[in-house]
């Protein structure tokens, strides 16, 4: 049997439609009333006990402190954020100037005993006192040469004794402070050399090979075989026209300028041809030994009285007439 099902909820009939099978209507149970709950009265709030408030003591005024001026310190404390200068050391210099450090170590002489900062007190752009004056250490009281100006024209402070004269406009003034004797010799014996400045011949200080011009760098030799030592046997650089020599000068060197005399001597085969030029022309160019110094008076007195000059008859010592 089919029909509608009715549920009773809270004494109210609810009809449910569409149930296939018939269900007997069950009367809803009466709602159960809830039990009465006793209400517990709230306890009265307990008020906090009164706390005695201690009176606030009056603030104590600080005692007045007299301001004292701050003592000056040896070094001012840098302000926050300010740049601080850090002193340079030799190790810093070498980072950029390694070649200079090598030069000083090899040729610095007394200068290599100094630190870089003992000469170069500042470095741009912070300071401009980078290149010191030589006179800070070298004074004319120590040596007359130190009175010469423009030291850098000849001396490099990193190799001070490797002196280069080539850049100097007046080398003679500097040279004269030590070599006055040579300057006086040039003046006393006028020649083309007298008109030259010292650095025309002396490019560097010293007499080692390459430090000066040799005679043959400017002058052609008297013979193709001549070397510097041959030149110096007769010619002195500071008085080149004052030709002096000893008794070791070879005939061939004289023959370079006096070829006609040398030819006459070797052709005629007299006793004079067996002699060196310097035996008759001794000590100085154009010196002539008198015949009587060697031969005395080989003829009778009458002959020597009538012909006091030997060359009247014998014509030429290099080409004796018989």
C-alpha atoms as a PDB file:
ATOM      1  CA  UNK A   1       0.000   0.000   0.000  1.00  0.00           C
ATOM      2  CA  UNK A   2       1.381   3.221  -1.006  1.00  0.00           C
ATOM      3  CA  UNK A   3       0.757   6.553   0.490  1.00  0.00           C
ATOM      4  CA  UNK A   4       2.322   9.568   2.091  1.00  0.00           C
ATOM      5  CA  UNK A   5       4.547   9.405   5.144  1.00  0.00           C
ATOM      6  CA  UNK A   6       4.015  11.912   7.827  1.00  0.00           C
ATOM      7  CA  UNK A   7       6.662  12.658  10.496  1.00  0.00           C
ATOM      8  CA  UNK A   8       5.837  14.417  13.626  1.00  0.00           C
ATOM      9  CA  UNK A   9       8.498  16.933  14.687  1.00  0.00           C
ATOM     10  CA  UNK A  10       7.798  18.994  17.738  1.00  0.00           C
ATOM     11  CA  UNK A  11       4.098  18.059  17.653  1.00  0.00           C
ATOM     12  CA  UNK A  12       3.787  19.372  14.123  1.00  0.00           C
ATOM     13  CA  UNK A  13       2.844  16.978  11.341  1.00  0.00           C
ATOM     14  CA  UNK A  14       5.117  17.097   8.343  1.00  0.00           C
ATOM     15  CA  UNK A  15       3.937  15.367   5.208  1.00  0.00           C
ATOM     16  CA  UNK A  16       6.599  13.754   3.040  1.00  0.00           C
ATOM     17  CA  UNK A  17       5.501  12.971  -0.452  1.00  0.00           C
ATOM     18  CA  UNK A  18       6.835  10.335  -2.789  1.00  0.00           C
ATOM     19  CA  UNK A  19       7.718   7.489  -0.471  1.00  0.00           C
ATOM     20  CA  UNK A  20       7.068   4.244  -2.287  1.00  0.00           C
ATOM     21  CA  UNK A  21       6.047   2.135   0.627  1.00  0.00           C
ATOM     22  CA  UNK A  22       3.469   2.941   3.205  1.00  0.00           C
ATOM     23  CA  UNK A  23       4.757   3.692   6.631  1.00  0.00           C
ATOM     24  CA  UNK A  24       2.490   3.874   9.575  1.00  0.00           C
ATOM     25  CA  UNK A  25       2.158   7.242  11.003  1.00  0.00           C
ATOM     26  CA  UNK A  26       3.995   7.420  14.284  1.00  0.00           C
ATOM     27  CA  UNK A  27       2.725  10.106  16.519  1.00  0.00           C
ATOM     28  CA  UNK A  28       5.472  12.483  17.534  1.00  0.00           C
ATOM     29  CA  UNK A  29       6.670  12.174  21.066  1.00  0.00           C
ATOM     30  CA  UNK A  30       5.941  15.122  23.159  1.00  0.00           C
ATOM     31  CA  UNK A  31       8.929  17.421  23.532  1.00  0.00           C
ATOM     32  CA  UNK A  32      10.787  16.994  26.750  1.00  0.00           C
ATOM     33  CA  UNK A  33      11.082  20.144  28.625  1.00  0.00           C
ATOM     34  CA  UNK A  34      14.547  20.881  29.846  1.00  0.00           C
ATOM     35  CA  UNK A  35      15.273  20.722  33.556  1.00  0.00           C
ATOM     36  CA  UNK A  36      15.368  23.922  35.439  1.00  0.00           C
ATOM     37  CA  UNK A  37      18.926  25.123  36.192  1.00  0.00           C
ATOM     38  CA  UNK A  38      19.613  27.026  39.327  1.00  0.00           C
ATOM     39  CA  UNK A  39      21.226  30.336  38.813  1.00  0.00           C
ATOM     40  CA  UNK A  40      24.274  30.958  41.076  1.00  0.00           C
ATOM     41  CA  UNK A  41      24.460  34.542  42.120  1.00  0.00           C
ATOM     42  CA  UNK A  42      27.776  36.217  41.120  1.00  0.00           C
ATOM     43  CA  UNK A  43      30.124  36.967  43.940  1.00  0.00           C
ATOM     44  CA  UNK A  44      30.540  40.616  44.626  1.00  0.00           C
ATOM     45  CA  UNK A  45      33.746  42.136  43.102  1.00  0.00           C
ATOM     46  CA  UNK A  46      36.509  42.618  45.562  1.00  0.00           C
ATOM     47  CA  UNK A  47      37.829  46.119  45.471  1.00  0.00           C
ATOM     48  CA  UNK A  48      41.662  46.400  45.628  1.00  0.00           C
ATOM     49  CA  UNK A  49      43.117  47.557  48.833  1.00  0.00           C
ATOM     50  CA  UNK A  50      44.174  51.125  48.854  1.00  0.00           C
ATOM     51  CA  UNK A  51      47.973  51.545  48.479  1.00  0.00           C
ATOM     52  CA  UNK A  52      49.652  54.432  50.092  1.00  0.00           C
ATOM     53  CA  UNK A  53      51.447  56.572  47.537  1.00  0.00           C
ATOM     54  CA  UNK A  54      54.879  57.765  48.688  1.00  0.00           C
ATOM     55  CA  UNK A  55      55.386  61.461  48.094  1.00  0.00           C
ATOM     56  CA  UNK A  56      57.713  62.197  45.124  1.00  0.00           C
ATOM     57  CA  UNK A  57      60.925  63.789  46.195  1.00  0.00           C
ATOM     58  CA  UNK A  58      61.719  67.021  44.395  1.00  0.00           C
ATOM     59  CA  UNK A  59      64.309  66.721  41.555  1.00  0.00           C
ATOM     60  CA  UNK A  60      67.791  67.648  42.584  1.00  0.00           C
ATOM     61  CA  UNK A  61      69.278  70.385  40.410  1.00  0.00           C
ATOM     62  CA  UNK A  62      72.772  69.394  39.147  1.00  0.00           C
ATOM     63  CA  UNK A  63      75.584  71.429  40.493  1.00  0.00           C
ATOM     64  CA  UNK A  64      76.965  73.975  38.108  1.00  0.00           C
ATOM     65  CA  UNK A  65      80.260  72.816  36.643  1.00  0.00           C
ATOM     66  CA  UNK A  66      82.659  75.453  35.456  1.00  0.00           C
ATOM     67  CA  UNK A  67      83.745  74.810  31.863  1.00  0.00           C
ATOM     68  CA  UNK A  68      87.505  74.305  31.525  1.00  0.00           C
ATOM     69  CA  UNK A  69      89.193  74.787  28.107  1.00  0.00           C
ATOM     70  CA  UNK A  70      90.146  71.440  26.581  1.00  0.00           C
ATOM     71  CA  UNK A  71      93.860  70.754  26.652  1.00  0.00           C
ATOM     72  CA  UNK A  72      95.532  70.892  23.272  1.00  0.00           C
ATOM     73  CA  UNK A  73      96.562  67.441  22.139  1.00  0.00           C
ATOM     74  CA  UNK A  74      99.594  66.607  20.067  1.00  0.00           C
ATOM     75  CA  UNK A  75      97.466  65.434  17.175  1.00  0.00           C
ATOM     76  CA  UNK A  76      93.955  66.505  16.349  1.00  0.00           C
ATOM     77  CA  UNK A  77      91.454  63.668  16.304  1.00  0.00           C
ATOM     78  CA  UNK A  78      90.067  63.392  12.769  1.00  0.00           C
ATOM     79  CA  UNK A  79      86.389  64.074  12.405  1.00  0.00           C
ATOM     80  CA  UNK A  80      84.128  61.198  11.538  1.00  0.00           C
ATOM     81  CA  UNK A  81      84.184  60.544   7.800  1.00  0.00           C
ATOM     82  CA  UNK A  82      87.301  62.707   7.168  1.00  0.00           C
ATOM     83  CA  UNK A  83      90.068  61.290   4.959  1.00  0.00           C
ATOM     84  CA  UNK A  84      93.201  60.304   6.839  1.00  0.00           C
ATOM     85  CA  UNK A  85      96.627  60.603   5.186  1.00  0.00           C
ATOM     86  CA  UNK A  86      98.724  57.470   5.514  1.00  0.00           C
ATOM     87  CA  UNK A  87     102.513  58.114   5.308  1.00  0.00           C
ATOM     88  CA  UNK A  88     104.232  56.500   2.330  1.00  0.00           C
ATOM     89  CA  UNK A  89     107.052  54.013   2.731  1.00  0.00           C
ATOM     90  CA  UNK A  90     109.806  52.811   0.390  1.00  0.00           C
ATOM     91  CA  UNK A  91     107.651  49.745  -0.292  1.00  0.00           C
ATOM     92  CA  UNK A  92     104.945  52.045  -1.675  1.00  0.00           C
ATOM     93  CA  UNK A  93     107.422  53.939  -3.892  1.00  0.00           C
ATOM     94  CA  UNK A  94     108.729  50.744  -5.455  1.00  0.00           C
ATOM     95  CA  UNK A  95     105.242  49.816  -6.682  1.00  0.00           C
ATOM     96  CA  UNK A  96     105.399  52.572  -9.325  1.00  0.00           C
ATOM     97  CA  UNK A  97     109.132  53.386  -9.450  1.00  0.00           C
ATOM     98  CA  UNK A  98     110.722  49.944  -9.577  1.00  0.00           C
ATOM     99  CA  UNK A  99     113.312  50.891 -12.232  1.00  0.00           C
ATOM    100  CA  UNK A 100     114.430  53.860 -10.121  1.00  0.00           C
ATOM    101  CA  UNK A 101     114.870  51.612  -7.085  1.00  0.00           C
ATOM    102  CA  UNK A 102     117.056  49.241  -9.131  1.00  0.00           C
ATOM    103  CA  UNK A 103     119.117  52.209 -10.395  1.00  0.00           C
ATOM    104  CA  UNK A 104     119.686  53.535  -6.869  1.00  0.00           C
ATOM    105  CA  UNK A 105     120.632  50.109  -5.581  1.00  0.00           C
ATOM    106  CA  UNK A 106     123.212  49.673  -8.366  1.00  0.00           C
ATOM    107  CA  UNK A 107     124.665  53.196  -8.650  1.00  0.00           C
ATOM    108  CA  UNK A 108     123.256  55.311  -5.819  1.00  0.00           C
ATOM    109  CA  UNK A 109     126.563  55.594  -3.945  1.00  0.00           C
ATOM    110  CA  UNK A 110     125.900  57.456  -0.661  1.00  0.00           C
ATOM    111  CA  UNK A 111     122.316  58.163  -1.743  1.00  0.00           C
ATOM    112  CA  UNK A 112     121.326  54.517  -1.477  1.00  0.00           C
ATOM    113  CA  UNK A 113     121.841  54.753   2.278  1.00  0.00           C
ATOM    114  CA  UNK A 114     118.834  57.107   2.402  1.00  0.00           C
ATOM    115  CA  UNK A 115     115.145  56.220   2.279  1.00  0.00           C
ATOM    116  CA  UNK A 116     113.035  57.626  -0.548  1.00  0.00           C
ATOM    117  CA  UNK A 117     111.148  59.890   1.867  1.00  0.00           C
ATOM    118  CA  UNK A 118     114.344  61.489   3.179  1.00  0.00           C
ATOM    119  CA  UNK A 119     114.666  63.265  -0.182  1.00  0.00           C
ATOM    120  CA  UNK A 120     111.113  63.165  -1.548  1.00  0.00           C
ATOM    121  CA  UNK A 121     109.193  64.562   1.409  1.00  0.00           C
ATOM    122  CA  UNK A 122     105.870  64.900  -0.445  1.00  0.00           C
ATOM    123  CA  UNK A 123     104.074  63.446  -3.433  1.00  0.00           C
ATOM    124  CA  UNK A 124     101.568  65.207  -5.700  1.00  0.00           C
ATOM    125  CA  UNK A 125      98.700  65.953  -5.522  1.00  0.00           C
ATOM    126  CA  UNK A 126      98.819  66.151  -1.717  1.00  0.00           C
ATOM    127  CA  UNK A 127     102.117  68.071  -1.680  1.00  0.00           C
ATOM    128  CA  UNK A 128     104.470  69.687  -4.151  1.00  0.00           C
ATOM    129  CA  UNK A 129     107.815  69.254  -2.343  1.00  0.00           C
ATOM    130  CA  UNK A 130     108.663  66.146  -4.364  1.00  0.00           C
ATOM    131  CA  UNK A 131     112.044  67.147  -5.834  1.00  0.00           C
ATOM    132  CA  UNK A 132     114.415  68.568  -3.212  1.00  0.00           C
ATOM    133  CA  UNK A 133     117.191  71.081  -3.727  1.00  0.00           C
ATOM    134  CA  UNK A 134     120.659  69.496  -3.759  1.00  0.00           C
ATOM    135  CA  UNK A 135     121.835  72.353  -1.538  1.00  0.00           C
ATOM    136  CA  UNK A 136     119.687  70.957   1.287  1.00  0.00           C
ATOM    137  CA  UNK A 137     122.552  68.522   1.878  1.00  0.00           C
ATOM    138  CA  UNK A 138     125.443  69.638  -0.345  1.00  0.00           C
ATOM    139  CA  UNK A 139     126.799  73.094   0.471  1.00  0.00           C
ATOM    140  CA  UNK A 140     129.782  75.008  -0.875  1.00  0.00           C
ATOM    141  CA  UNK A 141     131.260  74.961   2.635  1.00  0.00           C
ATOM    142  CA  UNK A 142     131.870  71.262   2.051  1.00  0.00           C
ATOM    143  CA  UNK A 143     133.167  71.557  -1.519  1.00  0.00           C
ATOM    144  CA  UNK A 144     133.576  74.450  -3.948  1.00  0.00           C
ATOM    145  CA  UNK A 145     131.910  72.345  -6.635  1.00  0.00           C
ATOM    146  CA  UNK A 146     128.637  72.488  -4.703  1.00  0.00           C
ATOM    147  CA  UNK A 147     128.396  76.217  -5.457  1.00  0.00           C
ATOM    148  CA  UNK A 148     127.674  75.383  -9.107  1.00  0.00           C
ATOM    149  CA  UNK A 149     124.042  75.920 -10.047  1.00  0.00           C
ATOM    150  CA  UNK A 150     121.736  73.621 -12.029  1.00  0.00           C
ATOM    151  CA  UNK A 151     123.072  70.385 -10.574  1.00  0.00           C
ATOM    152  CA  UNK A 152     120.522  68.378 -12.541  1.00  0.00           C
ATOM    153  CA  UNK A 153     122.150  69.393 -15.831  1.00  0.00           C
ATOM    154  CA  UNK A 154     124.939  66.897 -15.083  1.00  0.00           C
ATOM    155  CA  UNK A 155     123.882  64.783 -12.102  1.00  0.00           C
ATOM    156  CA  UNK A 156     120.998  62.343 -11.742  1.00  0.00           C
ATOM    157  CA  UNK A 157     120.397  61.917  -7.989  1.00  0.00           C
ATOM    158  CA  UNK A 158     119.633  58.222  -8.452  1.00  0.00           C
ATOM    159  CA  UNK A 159     123.133  57.631  -9.919  1.00  0.00           C
ATOM    160  CA  UNK A 160     124.977  60.812  -8.876  1.00  0.00           C
ATOM    161  CA  UNK A 161     128.491  59.848  -9.969  1.00  0.00           C
ATOM    162  CA  UNK A 162     127.486  58.690 -13.460  1.00  0.00           C
ATOM    163  CA  UNK A 163     127.793  62.268 -14.660  1.00  0.00           C
ATOM    164  CA  UNK A 164     126.354  63.147 -18.081  1.00  0.00           C
ATOM    165  CA  UNK A 165     127.489  66.516 -19.487  1.00  0.00           C
ATOM    166  CA  UNK A 166     125.576  66.412 -22.763  1.00  0.00           C
ATOM    167  CA  UNK A 167     122.589  68.447 -21.521  1.00  0.00           C
ATOM    168  CA  UNK A 168     124.651  71.243 -19.937  1.00  0.00           C
ATOM    169  CA  UNK A 169     124.745  74.689 -21.570  1.00  0.00           C
ATOM    170  CA  UNK A 170     127.873  75.698 -19.648  1.00  0.00           C
ATOM    171  CA  UNK A 171     129.861  72.626 -18.705  1.00  0.00           C
ATOM    172  CA  UNK A 172     133.115  74.564 -18.393  1.00  0.00           C
ATOM    173  CA  UNK A 173     131.932  76.482 -15.324  1.00  0.00           C
ATOM    174  CA  UNK A 174     131.141  73.237 -13.567  1.00  0.00           C
ATOM    175  CA  UNK A 175     134.378  71.549 -14.694  1.00  0.00           C
ATOM    176  CA  UNK A 176     136.496  74.511 -13.600  1.00  0.00           C
ATOM    177  CA  UNK A 177     135.387  74.063  -9.984  1.00  0.00           C
ATOM    178  CA  UNK A 178     137.532  70.909  -9.882  1.00  0.00           C
ATOM    179  CA  UNK A 179     139.710  71.073 -13.015  1.00  0.00           C
ATOM    180  CA  UNK A 180     140.992  74.643 -13.055  1.00  0.00           C
ATOM    181  CA  UNK A 181     144.421  73.473 -14.231  1.00  0.00           C
ATOM    182  CA  UNK A 182     143.018  72.154 -17.503  1.00  0.00           C
ATOM    183  CA  UNK A 183     140.906  75.290 -18.038  1.00  0.00           C
ATOM    184  CA  UNK A 184     144.011  77.456 -17.558  1.00  0.00           C
ATOM    185  CA  UNK A 185     145.980  75.261 -19.978  1.00  0.00           C
ATOM    186  CA  UNK A 186     143.374  75.789 -22.692  1.00  0.00           C
ATOM    187  CA  UNK A 187     143.500  79.549 -22.163  1.00  0.00           C
ATOM    188  CA  UNK A 188     147.314  79.663 -22.238  1.00  0.00           C
ATOM    189  CA  UNK A 189     147.553  77.643 -25.451  1.00  0.00           C
ATOM    190  CA  UNK A 190     144.958  79.023 -27.873  1.00  0.00           C
ATOM    191  CA  UNK A 191     143.621  76.557 -30.437  1.00  0.00           C
ATOM    192  CA  UNK A 192     140.306  75.449 -31.850  1.00  0.00           C
ATOM    193  CA  UNK A 193     139.898  73.430 -28.634  1.00  0.00           C
ATOM    194  CA  UNK A 194     139.928  76.634 -26.574  1.00  0.00           C
ATOM    195  CA  UNK A 195     136.702  77.734 -28.261  1.00  0.00           C
ATOM    196  CA  UNK A 196     134.901  74.507 -27.408  1.00  0.00           C
ATOM    197  CA  UNK A 197     132.894  73.830 -24.264  1.00  0.00           C
ATOM    198  CA  UNK A 198     134.202  70.901 -22.231  1.00  0.00           C
ATOM    199  CA  UNK A 199     131.269  68.682 -23.180  1.00  0.00           C
ATOM    200  CA  UNK A 200     132.235  68.936 -26.863  1.00  0.00           C
ATOM    201  CA  UNK A 201     134.858  66.300 -26.020  1.00  0.00           C
ATOM    202  CA  UNK A 202     133.781  65.010 -22.601  1.00  0.00           C
ATOM    203  CA  UNK A 203     130.261  63.564 -22.763  1.00  0.00           C
ATOM    204  CA  UNK A 204     130.597  61.939 -19.333  1.00  0.00           C
ATOM    205  CA  UNK A 205     132.831  62.406 -16.333  1.00  0.00           C
ATOM    206  CA  UNK A 206     135.845  60.109 -16.400  1.00  0.00           C
ATOM    207  CA  UNK A 207     138.433  58.769 -18.794  1.00  0.00           C
ATOM    208  CA  UNK A 208     137.011  55.351 -19.514  1.00  0.00           C
ATOM    209  CA  UNK A 209     136.289  54.302 -23.070  1.00  0.00           C
ATOM    210  CA  UNK A 210     133.114  55.954 -24.308  1.00  0.00           C
ATOM    211  CA  UNK A 211     133.215  58.814 -21.792  1.00  0.00           C
ATOM    212  CA  UNK A 212     135.060  61.202 -24.097  1.00  0.00           C
ATOM    213  CA  UNK A 213     135.760  61.852 -27.749  1.00  0.00           C
ATOM    214  CA  UNK A 214     139.060  60.515 -29.034  1.00  0.00           C
ATOM    215  CA  UNK A 215     141.287  62.561 -31.342  1.00  0.00           C
ATOM    216  CA  UNK A 216     140.389  60.299 -34.254  1.00  0.00           C
ATOM    217  CA  UNK A 217     136.651  60.939 -33.727  1.00  0.00           C
ATOM    218  CA  UNK A 218     137.262  64.481 -35.010  1.00  0.00           C
ATOM    219  CA  UNK A 219     140.692  64.457 -36.676  1.00  0.00           C
ATOM    220  CA  UNK A 220     142.125  62.337 -39.441  1.00  0.00           C
ATOM    221  CA  UNK A 221     145.272  60.520 -38.369  1.00  0.00           C
ATOM    222  CA  UNK A 222     148.677  61.352 -39.851  1.00  0.00           C
ATOM    223  CA  UNK A 223     148.860  57.762 -41.076  1.00  0.00           C
ATOM    224  CA  UNK A 224     146.153  55.133 -41.601  1.00  0.00           C
ATOM    225  CA  UNK A 225     147.666  53.009 -38.855  1.00  0.00           C
ATOM    226  CA  UNK A 226     147.491  55.670 -36.134  1.00  0.00           C
ATOM    227  CA  UNK A 227     145.570  54.961 -32.940  1.00  0.00           C
ATOM    228  CA  UNK A 228     144.693  57.269 -30.047  1.00  0.00           C
ATOM    229  CA  UNK A 229     147.834  56.404 -28.107  1.00  0.00           C
ATOM    230  CA  UNK A 230     149.940  57.547 -31.071  1.00  0.00           C
ATOM    231  CA  UNK A 231     148.166  60.923 -31.092  1.00  0.00           C
ATOM    232  CA  UNK A 232     148.810  61.414 -27.408  1.00  0.00           C
ATOM    233  CA  UNK A 233     152.543  60.773 -27.867  1.00  0.00           C
ATOM    234  CA  UNK A 234     152.829  64.265 -29.355  1.00  0.00           C
ATOM    235  CA  UNK A 235     149.540  66.125 -28.848  1.00  0.00           C
ATOM    236  CA  UNK A 236     147.960  67.058 -25.517  1.00  0.00           C
ATOM    237  CA  UNK A 237     144.200  67.695 -25.823  1.00  0.00           C
ATOM    238  CA  UNK A 238     144.205  70.936 -23.809  1.00  0.00           C
ATOM    239  CA  UNK A 239     147.237  72.333 -25.683  1.00  0.00           C
ATOM    240  CA  UNK A 240     147.189  70.473 -29.000  1.00  0.00           C
ATOM    241  CA  UNK A 241     149.505  72.830 -30.881  1.00  0.00           C
ATOM    242  CA  UNK A 242     152.200  72.653 -28.245  1.00  0.00           C
ATOM    243  CA  UNK A 243     153.658  69.465 -29.667  1.00  0.00           C
ATOM    244  CA  UNK A 244     156.012  67.728 -27.266  1.00  0.00           C
ATOM    245  CA  UNK A 245     157.224  64.164 -27.213  1.00  0.00           C
ATOM    246  CA  UNK A 246     159.841  61.791 -25.833  1.00  0.00           C
ATOM    247  CA  UNK A 247     162.491  59.736 -27.620  1.00  0.00           C
ATOM    248  CA  UNK A 248     160.206  56.780 -28.353  1.00  0.00           C
ATOM    249  CA  UNK A 249     158.181  58.322 -31.180  1.00  0.00           C
ATOM    250  CA  UNK A 250     158.453  56.202 -34.320  1.00  0.00           C
ATOM    251  CA  UNK A 251     159.841  57.624 -37.575  1.00  0.00           C
ATOM    252  CA  UNK A 252     156.635  56.529 -39.349  1.00  0.00           C
ATOM    253  CA  UNK A 253     154.540  58.946 -37.275  1.00  0.00           C
ATOM    254  CA  UNK A 254     156.775  61.884 -38.235  1.00  0.00           C
ATOM    255  CA  UNK A 255     156.719  60.740 -41.824  1.00  0.00           C
ATOM    256  CA  UNK A 256     152.943  61.091 -41.844  1.00  0.00           C
ATOM    257  CA  UNK A 257     153.426  64.870 -42.104  1.00  0.00           C
ATOM    258  CA  UNK A 258     157.065  65.039 -43.280  1.00  0.00           C
ATOM    259  CA  UNK A 259     157.090  62.451 -46.021  1.00  0.00           C
ATOM    260  CA  UNK A 260     159.632  64.313 -48.191  1.00  0.00           C
ATOM    261  CA  UNK A 261     162.223  64.282 -45.408  1.00  0.00           C
ATOM    262  CA  UNK A 262     161.637  60.628 -44.665  1.00  0.00           C
ATOM    263  CA  UNK A 263     162.016  59.726 -48.350  1.00  0.00           C
ATOM    264  CA  UNK A 264     165.283  61.655 -48.615  1.00  0.00           C
ATOM    265  CA  UNK A 265     166.726  59.899 -45.567  1.00  0.00           C
ATOM    266  CA  UNK A 266     165.881  56.411 -46.751  1.00  0.00           C
ATOM    267  CA  UNK A 267     167.006  57.077 -50.326  1.00  0.00           C
ATOM    268  CA  UNK A 268     170.479  58.493 -49.719  1.00  0.00           C
ATOM    269  CA  UNK A 269     171.577  55.929 -47.184  1.00  0.00           C
ATOM    270  CA  UNK A 270     173.758  58.187 -45.057  1.00  0.00           C
ATOM    271  CA  UNK A 271     174.426  57.657 -41.391  1.00  0.00           C
ATOM    272  CA  UNK A 272     171.545  60.000 -40.648  1.00  0.00           C
ATOM    273  CA  UNK A 273     169.148  57.509 -42.237  1.00  0.00           C
ATOM    274  CA  UNK A 274     169.940  55.091 -39.442  1.00  0.00           C
ATOM    275  CA  UNK A 275     168.729  57.523 -36.818  1.00  0.00           C
ATOM    276  CA  UNK A 276     165.248  58.260 -35.469  1.00  0.00           C
ATOM    277  CA  UNK A 277     163.811  61.690 -36.100  1.00  0.00           C
ATOM    278  CA  UNK A 278     163.624  62.450 -32.385  1.00  0.00           C
ATOM    279  CA  UNK A 279     167.369  62.037 -32.012  1.00  0.00           C
ATOM    280  CA  UNK A 280     167.898  65.346 -33.798  1.00  0.00           C
ATOM    281  CA  UNK A 281     164.480  66.877 -33.136  1.00  0.00           C
ATOM    282  CA  UNK A 282     164.216  66.158 -29.456  1.00  0.00           C
ATOM    283  CA  UNK A 283     161.553  67.094 -26.946  1.00  0.00           C
ATOM    284  CA  UNK A 284     159.478  69.524 -28.965  1.00  0.00           C
ATOM    285  CA  UNK A 285     158.286  69.919 -32.509  1.00  0.00           C
ATOM    286  CA  UNK A 286     160.638  71.993 -34.702  1.00  0.00           C
ATOM    287  CA  UNK A 287     163.501  71.718 -32.278  1.00  0.00           C
ATOM    288  CA  UNK A 288     166.717  71.289 -34.305  1.00  0.00           C
ATOM    289  CA  UNK A 289     169.870  69.927 -32.797  1.00  0.00           C
ATOM    290  CA  UNK A 290     173.010  71.829 -33.919  1.00  0.00           C
ATOM    291  CA  UNK A 291     175.479  69.824 -35.981  1.00  0.00           C
ATOM    292  CA  UNK A 292     178.290  70.604 -33.552  1.00  0.00           C
ATOM    293  CA  UNK A 293     176.317  68.981 -30.741  1.00  0.00           C
ATOM    294  CA  UNK A 294     177.042  65.647 -32.367  1.00  0.00           C
ATOM    295  CA  UNK A 295     179.948  66.284 -34.756  1.00  0.00           C
ATOM    296  CA  UNK A 296     181.865  68.962 -32.879  1.00  0.00           C
ATOM    297  CA  UNK A 297     184.247  70.564 -35.496  1.00  0.00           C
ATOM    298  CA  UNK A 298     185.365  67.805 -37.869  1.00  0.00           C
ATOM    299  CA  UNK A 299     187.207  70.216 -40.163  1.00  0.00           C
ATOM    300  CA  UNK A 300     190.158  72.488 -39.464  1.00  0.00           C
ATOM    301  CA  UNK A 301     189.652  75.838 -37.782  1.00  0.00           C
ATOM    302  CA  UNK A 302     190.034  77.810 -40.987  1.00  0.00           C
ATOM    303  CA  UNK A 303     187.118  75.934 -42.629  1.00  0.00           C
ATOM    304  CA  UNK A 304     184.815  76.445 -39.677  1.00  0.00           C
ATOM    305  CA  UNK A 305     185.747  80.079 -39.436  1.00  0.00           C
ATOM    306  CA  UNK A 306     184.998  80.665 -43.094  1.00  0.00           C
ATOM    307  CA  UNK A 307     181.798  78.556 -43.114  1.00  0.00           C
ATOM    308  CA  UNK A 308     180.288  78.686 -39.622  1.00  0.00           C
ATOM    309  CA  UNK A 309     176.981  77.157 -40.848  1.00  0.00           C
ATOM    310  CA  UNK A 310     177.401  73.503 -41.781  1.00  0.00           C
ATOM    311  CA  UNK A 311     174.444  73.536 -44.173  1.00  0.00           C
ATOM    312  CA  UNK A 312     176.280  76.057 -46.338  1.00  0.00           C
ATOM    313  CA  UNK A 313     178.133  73.064 -47.739  1.00  0.00           C
ATOM    314  CA  UNK A 314     176.095  70.061 -46.618  1.00  0.00           C
ATOM    315  CA  UNK A 315     172.809  71.672 -47.662  1.00  0.00           C
ATOM    316  CA  UNK A 316     170.225  69.499 -45.835  1.00  0.00           C
ATOM    317  CA  UNK A 317     170.719  67.105 -42.941  1.00  0.00           C
ATOM    318  CA  UNK A 318     168.136  64.812 -44.526  1.00  0.00           C
ATOM    319  CA  UNK A 319     169.887  64.981 -47.881  1.00  0.00           C
ATOM    320  CA  UNK A 320     173.532  65.431 -47.123  1.00  0.00           C
ATOM    321  CA  UNK A 321     175.782  66.670 -49.911  1.00  0.00           C
ATOM    322  CA  UNK A 322     179.113  64.922 -49.973  1.00  0.00           C
END
